[in-house]
């Protein structure tokens, strides 16, 4: 059995250049939802460490208060709140899609863009609250 040139081309692996592929907004929302979920997993550890440090003694509580006034800790808390807000909005979008709504191309794109806009608003509000 002889392989034709056309069959050989079809059997070759396809090289996907991920830098040239444009993902739709819905795919980006889904990927970022997973990433923020992983961030939240690590954030729970940080927040539990902060809670434990605040409950050890009055001296450790005062030390923690001074630590929370630093730029780095404010930035970390802002990042945690931003990830939480985005994850919440993306999760609500996924829950609505599980009910059969927003699955069409136009409504899926609109809901993805709404998640982006609301996440930016939430991130700015979290930044104002932290600082």
Protein backbone atom coordinates (compact mmCIF):
# COMPACT_ATOMS: atom_id res chain seq x y z
CA UNK A 1 0.00 0.00 0.00
CA UNK A 2 1.48 3.24 -1.12
CA UNK A 3 1.07 6.50 0.81
CA UNK A 4 0.24 9.50 -1.29
CA UNK A 5 1.80 12.88 -0.61
CA UNK A 6 -1.52 14.24 0.59
CA UNK A 7 -1.94 11.47 3.21
CA UNK A 8 1.59 12.04 4.49
CA UNK A 9 0.89 15.74 5.01
CA UNK A 10 -2.27 14.95 6.98
CA UNK A 11 -0.41 12.55 9.28
CA UNK A 12 2.29 15.01 10.24
CA UNK A 13 1.96 16.77 13.59
CA UNK A 14 0.75 20.31 13.38
CA UNK A 15 2.97 23.01 14.83
CA UNK A 16 0.90 25.49 16.80
CA UNK A 17 2.59 28.81 17.42
CA UNK A 18 0.81 29.89 20.62
CA UNK A 19 2.08 33.45 20.22
CA UNK A 20 0.10 33.92 17.01
CA UNK A 21 -3.15 32.27 18.15
CA UNK A 22 -5.82 34.72 19.31
CA UNK A 23 -8.01 33.25 21.99
CA UNK A 24 -11.61 34.45 22.23
CA UNK A 25 -12.63 36.49 25.28
CA UNK A 26 -14.58 33.56 26.73
CA UNK A 27 -11.47 31.35 26.65
CA UNK A 28 -9.37 34.03 28.34
CA UNK A 29 -11.99 34.42 31.09
CA UNK A 30 -11.99 30.67 31.67
CA UNK A 31 -8.19 30.40 31.76
CA UNK A 32 -7.88 33.37 34.14
CA UNK A 33 -10.60 31.86 36.34
CA UNK A 34 -8.44 28.77 36.78
CA UNK A 35 -5.30 30.83 37.41
CA UNK A 36 -7.03 32.95 40.06
CA UNK A 37 -8.26 29.74 41.68
CA UNK A 38 -4.65 28.61 42.11
CA UNK A 39 -3.72 32.07 43.42
CA UNK A 40 -6.55 31.81 45.95
CA UNK A 41 -5.20 28.45 47.12
CA UNK A 42 -1.91 30.11 48.06
CA UNK A 43 -3.75 33.17 49.40
CA UNK A 44 -5.55 31.00 51.96
CA UNK A 45 -2.16 29.99 53.35
CA UNK A 46 -1.02 33.61 53.60
CA UNK A 47 -4.27 34.71 55.23
CA UNK A 48 -4.16 31.84 57.74
CA UNK A 49 -0.57 32.76 58.60
CA UNK A 50 -1.65 36.38 59.17
CA UNK A 51 -4.57 35.26 61.33
CA UNK A 52 -2.34 32.98 63.39
CA UNK A 53 0.21 35.75 63.86
CA UNK A 54 -2.47 38.19 64.97
CA UNK A 55 -3.79 35.79 67.62
CA UNK A 56 -0.49 34.71 69.22
CA UNK A 57 0.07 37.69 71.49
CA UNK A 58 -0.40 41.43 71.77
CA UNK A 59 3.22 41.94 70.71
CA UNK A 60 2.83 39.82 67.57
CA UNK A 61 -0.43 41.64 66.79
CA UNK A 62 1.35 45.01 66.99
CA UNK A 63 4.17 43.67 64.83
CA UNK A 64 1.63 42.45 62.29
CA UNK A 65 -0.05 45.86 62.25
CA UNK A 66 3.25 47.53 61.40
CA UNK A 67 3.90 44.86 58.76
CA UNK A 68 0.51 45.54 57.16
CA UNK A 69 1.48 49.20 56.78
CA UNK A 70 4.30 48.27 54.40
CA UNK A 71 3.91 48.65 50.64
CA UNK A 72 4.69 45.00 49.98
CA UNK A 73 1.96 43.67 52.28
CA UNK A 74 -0.57 46.16 50.92
CA UNK A 75 0.33 45.03 47.41
CA UNK A 76 -0.06 41.37 48.38
CA UNK A 77 -3.45 42.04 50.00
CA UNK A 78 -4.56 44.02 46.93
CA UNK A 79 -3.50 41.10 44.73
CA UNK A 80 -5.40 38.63 46.88
CA UNK A 81 -8.54 40.78 46.78
CA UNK A 82 -8.22 41.28 43.02
CA UNK A 83 -7.83 37.53 42.46
CA UNK A 84 -10.80 36.84 44.75
CA UNK A 85 -12.98 39.36 42.93
CA UNK A 86 -12.08 38.05 39.50
CA UNK A 87 -12.53 34.44 40.59
CA UNK A 88 -15.94 35.27 42.05
CA UNK A 89 -17.10 37.06 38.89
CA UNK A 90 -15.76 34.34 36.61
CA UNK A 91 -17.35 31.68 38.80
CA UNK A 92 -20.73 33.41 38.67
CA UNK A 93 -20.44 33.56 34.89
CA UNK A 94 -19.69 29.83 34.77
CA UNK A 95 -22.65 29.10 37.05
CA UNK A 96 -25.00 31.03 34.78
CA UNK A 97 -23.58 29.18 31.77
CA UNK A 98 -24.24 25.87 33.56
CA UNK A 99 -27.94 26.77 33.49
CA UNK A 100 -27.84 26.98 29.70
CA UNK A 101 -27.68 30.76 29.39
CA UNK A 102 -24.95 32.87 27.73
CA UNK A 103 -23.77 29.93 25.66
CA UNK A 104 -24.30 31.61 22.29
CA UNK A 105 -21.35 33.35 20.69
CA UNK A 106 -22.62 36.91 21.12
CA UNK A 107 -23.89 36.55 24.69
CA UNK A 108 -20.79 34.55 25.71
CA UNK A 109 -18.53 37.30 24.39
CA UNK A 110 -20.63 39.99 26.09
CA UNK A 111 -20.59 38.20 29.43
CA UNK A 112 -16.82 37.67 29.15
CA UNK A 113 -16.28 41.36 28.47
CA UNK A 114 -18.57 42.23 31.39
CA UNK A 115 -16.43 40.06 33.67
CA UNK A 116 -13.30 41.93 32.51
CA UNK A 117 -14.87 45.35 33.13
CA UNK A 118 -16.35 44.43 36.50
CA UNK A 119 -13.06 42.84 37.58
CA UNK A 120 -11.17 46.04 36.76
CA UNK A 121 -13.72 48.10 38.72
CA UNK A 122 -13.46 45.69 41.66
CA UNK A 123 -9.67 45.79 41.51
CA UNK A 124 -9.63 49.60 41.62
CA UNK A 125 -12.08 49.63 44.53
CA UNK A 126 -9.96 47.04 46.38
CA UNK A 127 -6.88 49.19 45.78
CA UNK A 128 -8.59 52.26 47.18
CA UNK A 129 -9.74 50.30 50.21
CA UNK A 130 -6.31 48.75 50.90
CA UNK A 131 -4.41 52.01 50.53
